[in-house]
């Protein structure tokens, strides 16, 4: 399938970052229509340089077989970034259509234990490539909701996290300045494999609305806010694994525990008791 004008293909091959910027400035319908008629390798090249959110918005409008072709041509990390942002229905359809071994690798990359940072991170945050300009960044910031506050997260061409830049600083610079020259390096990161309990008291929360979540190779996966981390800890405590839920012993223990907690609450006049969480690193290789 390739009805794309040769000049479009040549432009993408010569300057995929510029092509990605053009696609992001089109409507999603128009960008998807062009992606759909490009050769697979050209589509993969352009989508790999787009922000993951914009790329995901494009591919969910394509036929599943077409998405599979493109994702298999993209680098693993770029493809995983797109899959991570897709809705559950589209993601499941694509994973089911992928070769079994590749689908297994993607699922492993996307799966996280309930009490881990990765399970609670905001995956719909799209980082910006460091090759973009101030004008590009401001345009992006204006279009998107910023739950992580004033900071934009910046990555290199391999999708590795390299730093942050505040929007308030961007507006003080020339619109043609490149983000790479303005990045604040040394920004804190947290591993997607870390437990929530191990990072909840980090001093970095005082200075950042959201912290960058990275994989084993430093690849940007999302962000995590302090409030979301606290919600995750409460949920993980409530759903902590124990004996099998369908066993008689579970029901007996559960009934006794509820009664005990109720009595204890009366005695202590609703005193709050918080069970400590063991700080264990997960074994998932992400």
Protein backbone atom coordinates (compact mmCIF):
# COMPACT_ATOMS: atom_id res chain seq x y z
CA UNK A 1 0.00 0.00 0.00
CA UNK A 2 1.75 3.16 -1.16
CA UNK A 3 -0.04 5.93 -3.01
CA UNK A 4 1.92 8.68 -1.31
CA UNK A 5 3.58 11.35 -3.47
CA UNK A 6 7.28 10.50 -3.93
CA UNK A 7 8.22 13.95 -2.65
CA UNK A 8 6.47 13.24 0.66
CA UNK A 9 8.39 10.00 1.08
CA UNK A 10 11.67 11.69 0.16
CA UNK A 11 11.00 14.50 2.65
CA UNK A 12 10.35 12.00 5.48
CA UNK A 13 13.49 10.04 4.62
CA UNK A 14 15.65 13.17 4.55
CA UNK A 15 14.22 14.90 7.64
CA UNK A 16 11.90 12.71 9.73
CA UNK A 17 11.83 15.19 12.64
CA UNK A 18 10.57 17.98 10.40
CA UNK A 19 8.04 15.59 8.86
CA UNK A 20 6.83 14.67 12.36
CA UNK A 21 6.27 18.35 13.17
CA UNK A 22 4.25 18.79 9.98
CA UNK A 23 2.09 15.76 10.79
CA UNK A 24 1.45 16.99 14.33
CA UNK A 25 0.21 20.31 12.98
CA UNK A 26 -2.31 18.59 10.71
CA UNK A 27 -5.68 17.42 11.95
CA UNK A 28 -5.61 13.86 13.22
CA UNK A 29 -7.79 12.75 10.28
CA UNK A 30 -5.44 14.27 7.71
CA UNK A 31 -2.31 12.96 9.43
CA UNK A 32 -3.79 9.45 9.63
CA UNK A 33 -4.79 9.55 5.97
CA UNK A 34 -1.22 10.35 4.96
CA UNK A 35 0.28 7.76 7.32
CA UNK A 36 -2.08 5.21 5.81
CA UNK A 37 -0.76 5.61 2.25
CA UNK A 38 2.94 5.93 3.05
CA UNK A 39 5.25 2.93 2.69
CA UNK A 40 5.48 1.13 6.03
CA UNK A 41 9.07 2.15 6.69
CA UNK A 42 8.27 5.85 6.02
CA UNK A 43 5.25 5.72 8.32
CA UNK A 44 7.38 4.14 11.04
CA UNK A 45 10.09 6.76 10.57
CA UNK A 46 7.67 9.67 10.91
CA UNK A 47 5.63 8.21 13.78
CA UNK A 48 8.81 7.40 15.69
CA UNK A 49 9.71 11.11 15.76
CA UNK A 50 6.22 12.31 16.73
CA UNK A 51 5.20 12.64 20.36
CA UNK A 52 3.73 9.29 21.49
CA UNK A 53 0.32 10.84 22.12
CA UNK A 54 0.09 12.31 18.61
CA UNK A 55 1.37 9.08 17.06
CA UNK A 56 -1.16 7.01 19.00
CA UNK A 57 -4.01 9.30 17.93
CA UNK A 58 -3.03 8.64 14.31
CA UNK A 59 -2.63 4.88 14.44
CA UNK A 60 -5.89 4.15 16.25
CA UNK A 61 -7.67 5.37 13.11
CA UNK A 62 -5.91 2.80 10.93
CA UNK A 63 -6.81 -0.81 10.23
CA UNK A 64 -5.22 -3.23 12.69
CA UNK A 65 -3.13 -4.97 10.02
CA UNK A 66 -1.69 -1.63 8.97
CA UNK A 67 -0.85 -0.72 12.57
CA UNK A 68 0.88 -4.07 13.04
CA UNK A 69 3.00 -3.49 9.93
CA UNK A 70 4.06 -0.05 11.15
CA UNK A 71 4.80 -1.08 14.75
CA UNK A 72 6.92 -4.01 13.59
CA UNK A 73 9.01 -1.56 11.57
CA UNK A 74 9.46 0.94 14.41
CA UNK A 75 12.06 0.59 17.14
CA UNK A 76 10.78 -1.43 20.10
CA UNK A 77 10.83 1.52 22.51
CA UNK A 78 9.01 3.82 20.08
CA UNK A 79 6.38 1.17 19.36
CA UNK A 80 5.93 0.45 23.07
CA UNK A 81 5.44 4.16 23.73
CA UNK A 82 2.62 4.25 21.19
CA UNK A 83 0.98 1.08 22.53
CA UNK A 84 1.17 2.42 26.08
CA UNK A 85 -1.01 5.41 25.17
CA UNK A 86 -3.55 3.59 22.99
CA UNK A 87 -6.90 2.74 24.58
CA UNK A 88 -7.38 -0.80 25.89
CA UNK A 89 -9.58 -1.97 23.01
CA UNK A 90 -7.22 -0.86 20.24
CA UNK A 91 -4.14 -2.06 22.10
CA UNK A 92 -5.62 -5.51 22.67
CA UNK A 93 -6.56 -5.84 19.00
CA UNK A 94 -3.04 -4.94 17.90
CA UNK A 95 -1.35 -7.23 20.44
CA UNK A 96 -3.58 -10.13 19.34
CA UNK A 97 -2.53 -9.54 15.71
CA UNK A 98 1.21 -9.31 16.40
CA UNK A 99 3.50 -12.36 16.23
CA UNK A 100 3.28 -14.23 19.53
CA UNK A 101 6.87 -13.62 20.63
CA UNK A 102 6.75 -9.88 19.90
CA UNK A 103 3.35 -9.50 21.55
CA UNK A 104 4.74 -11.24 24.62
CA UNK A 105 7.65 -8.78 24.79
CA UNK A 106 5.31 -5.81 24.47
CA UNK A 107 2.97 -7.16 27.15
CA UNK A 108 5.90 -7.66 29.48
CA UNK A 109 6.99 -4.07 28.88
CA UNK A 110 3.48 -2.74 29.56
CA UNK A 111 2.69 -4.85 32.63
CA UNK A 112 3.39 -3.62 36.17
CA UNK A 113 2.64 -4.93 39.69
CA UNK A 114 -0.16 -3.08 41.49
CA UNK A 115 2.14 -1.46 44.07
CA UNK A 116 4.72 -0.28 41.54
CA UNK A 117 5.35 3.17 40.11
CA UNK A 118 4.65 1.86 36.61
CA UNK A 119 1.11 0.81 37.50
CA UNK A 120 0.17 4.34 38.54
CA UNK A 121 2.17 6.59 36.23
CA UNK A 122 0.43 8.91 33.81
CA UNK A 123 1.20 7.29 30.45
CA UNK A 124 -0.57 9.93 28.36
CA UNK A 125 2.19 12.49 28.86
CA UNK A 126 4.09 12.98 25.62
CA UNK A 127 7.70 14.12 25.96
CA UNK A 128 9.20 16.47 23.38
CA UNK A 129 12.32 15.63 21.35
CA UNK A 130 15.28 17.81 22.26
CA UNK A 131 15.63 18.78 18.59
CA UNK A 132 12.37 20.77 18.69
CA UNK A 133 12.33 24.56 18.91
CA UNK A 134 10.85 26.87 21.53
CA UNK A 135 8.04 27.67 19.08
CA UNK A 136 7.23 23.95 18.75
CA UNK A 137 7.22 23.50 22.52
CA UNK A 138 4.95 26.47 23.18
CA UNK A 139 2.55 25.30 20.48
CA UNK A 140 2.46 21.85 22.10
CA UNK A 141 1.99 23.28 25.60
CA UNK A 142 -0.92 25.42 24.41
CA UNK A 143 -2.73 22.43 22.91
CA UNK A 144 -2.33 20.00 25.78
CA UNK A 145 -3.62 19.83 29.33
CA UNK A 146 -0.67 20.08 31.69
CA UNK A 147 -1.41 17.91 34.76
CA UNK A 148 2.30 17.93 35.60
CA UNK A 149 2.36 21.70 35.88
CA UNK A 150 4.83 24.11 34.31
CA UNK A 151 7.39 21.54 33.17
CA UNK A 152 7.84 19.89 29.79
CA UNK A 153 9.71 16.59 29.66
CA UNK A 154 12.42 16.27 27.01
CA UNK A 155 13.88 13.13 25.38
CA UNK A 156 16.63 12.38 22.88
CA UNK A 157 16.18 10.62 19.53
CA UNK A 158 16.29 7.23 21.27
CA UNK A 159 13.40 8.31 23.53
CA UNK A 160 15.68 8.45 26.58
CA UNK A 161 14.79 11.08 29.16
CA UNK A 162 17.31 13.93 29.17
CA UNK A 163 15.75 16.66 31.30
CA UNK A 164 12.96 19.17 31.80
CA UNK A 165 12.27 22.75 30.83
CA UNK A 166 9.75 25.12 32.36
CA UNK A 167 7.19 26.80 30.13
CA UNK A 168 7.81 30.03 32.02
CA UNK A 169 11.41 29.90 30.84
CA UNK A 170 10.48 29.09 27.25
CA UNK A 171 8.64 32.35 26.76
CA UNK A 172 11.81 34.24 27.67
CA UNK A 173 13.77 32.73 24.77
CA UNK A 174 13.88 33.18 21.03
CA UNK A 175 11.22 31.12 19.27
CA UNK A 176 13.86 29.50 17.04
CA UNK A 177 16.05 28.37 19.94
CA UNK A 178 16.47 24.59 20.17
CA UNK A 179 15.29 22.84 23.33
CA UNK A 180 18.56 20.92 23.62
CA UNK A 181 20.31 24.18 24.51
CA UNK A 182 17.77 25.13 27.18
CA UNK A 183 17.23 21.83 29.01
CA UNK A 184 17.70 21.66 32.75
CA UNK A 185 19.69 18.45 33.11
CA UNK A 186 19.94 16.41 36.27
CA UNK A 187 16.17 16.37 36.78
CA UNK A 188 15.06 13.58 39.15
CA UNK A 189 13.65 10.35 37.74
CA UNK A 190 12.02 7.29 39.26
CA UNK A 191 12.11 3.74 37.98
CA UNK A 192 8.89 2.17 36.75
CA UNK A 193 9.91 -0.94 38.70
CA UNK A 194 10.25 0.85 42.06
CA UNK A 195 7.55 0.38 44.67
CA UNK A 196 5.37 3.33 45.56
CA UNK A 197 6.39 2.96 49.19
CA UNK A 198 10.05 3.47 48.31
CA UNK A 199 9.48 6.82 46.59
CA UNK A 200 6.55 8.37 48.47
CA UNK A 201 8.79 10.33 50.86
CA UNK A 202 11.24 11.56 48.23
CA UNK A 203 12.29 15.20 48.77
CA UNK A 204 11.96 15.83 45.03
CA UNK A 205 8.18 16.18 45.34
CA UNK A 206 8.69 19.60 46.94
CA UNK A 207 10.02 21.08 43.69
CA UNK A 208 8.19 19.12 40.99
CA UNK A 209 4.50 18.60 40.25
CA UNK A 210 5.40 15.37 38.48
CA UNK A 211 8.50 13.20 38.26
CA UNK A 212 9.66 11.45 35.10
CA UNK A 213 9.23 7.67 35.14
CA UNK A 214 11.88 5.78 33.20
CA UNK A 215 12.52 2.20 32.15
CA UNK A 216 15.64 0.12 32.67
CA UNK A 217 17.45 1.82 29.77
CA UNK A 218 16.45 5.33 30.75
CA UNK A 219 13.58 5.46 28.25
CA UNK A 220 10.78 7.84 29.20
CA UNK A 221 7.56 6.01 30.13
CA UNK A 222 5.39 8.65 31.80
CA UNK A 223 5.12 10.82 34.90
CA UNK A 224 3.93 10.34 38.45
CA UNK A 225 2.48 12.95 40.80
CA UNK A 226 2.68 12.75 44.59
CA UNK A 227 -1.10 12.61 44.97
CA UNK A 228 -1.37 9.74 42.49
CA UNK A 229 1.40 7.86 44.30
CA UNK A 230 -0.54 8.19 47.57
CA UNK A 231 -3.71 6.93 45.90
CA UNK A 232 -1.74 3.96 44.60
CA UNK A 233 -0.42 3.08 48.04
CA UNK A 234 -3.93 3.12 49.53
CA UNK A 235 -5.25 0.95 46.68
CA UNK A 236 -2.30 -1.46 46.91
CA UNK A 237 -2.89 -1.89 50.65
CA UNK A 238 -6.57 -2.53 50.09
CA UNK A 239 -5.88 -5.10 47.36
CA UNK A 240 -2.70 -6.64 48.74
CA UNK A 241 -2.35 -10.31 47.71
CA UNK A 242 -2.90 -13.03 50.28
CA UNK A 243 -4.46 -16.46 50.20
CA UNK A 244 -6.60 -17.32 47.19
CA UNK A 245 -9.78 -15.28 47.12
CA UNK A 246 -12.03 -18.28 46.39
CA UNK A 247 -10.86 -20.38 49.34
CA UNK A 248 -12.96 -20.97 52.46
CA UNK A 249 -9.99 -19.95 54.60
CA UNK A 250 -9.91 -16.57 52.89
CA UNK A 251 -13.52 -15.88 53.78
CA UNK A 252 -13.00 -16.95 57.38
CA UNK A 253 -9.90 -14.83 57.76
CA UNK A 254 -11.57 -11.91 56.02
CA UNK A 255 -14.59 -12.07 58.32
CA UNK A 256 -12.46 -12.26 61.45
CA UNK A 257 -10.28 -9.42 60.26
CA UNK A 258 -13.25 -7.15 59.56
CA UNK A 259 -14.71 -7.88 62.98
CA UNK A 260 -11.35 -7.30 64.65
CA UNK A 261 -10.81 -3.98 62.87
CA UNK A 262 -14.30 -2.85 63.79
CA UNK A 263 -13.80 -3.62 67.47
CA UNK A 264 -10.39 -2.05 67.49
CA UNK A 265 -11.78 1.08 65.82
CA UNK A 266 -14.36 1.43 68.61
CA UNK A 267 -11.73 0.98 71.29
CA UNK A 268 -9.32 3.50 69.78
CA UNK A 269 -12.03 5.98 68.81
CA UNK A 270 -11.35 5.78 65.09
CA UNK A 271 -7.56 5.92 65.44
CA UNK A 272 -5.88 5.46 62.08
CA UNK A 273 -3.61 2.45 61.69
CA UNK A 274 -1.38 2.21 58.65
CA UNK A 275 0.28 -1.02 57.69
CA UNK A 276 3.87 -0.63 56.41
CA UNK A 277 4.58 -1.68 52.85
CA UNK A 278 7.61 -3.84 52.14
CA UNK A 279 9.98 -2.13 49.73
CA UNK A 280 10.62 -4.83 47.15
CA UNK A 281 11.87 -4.29 43.60
CA UNK A 282 9.95 -6.22 40.97
CA UNK A 283 11.65 -8.69 38.67
CA UNK A 284 10.13 -7.42 35.44
CA UNK A 285 12.88 -6.48 33.01
CA UNK A 286 11.74 -3.04 31.87
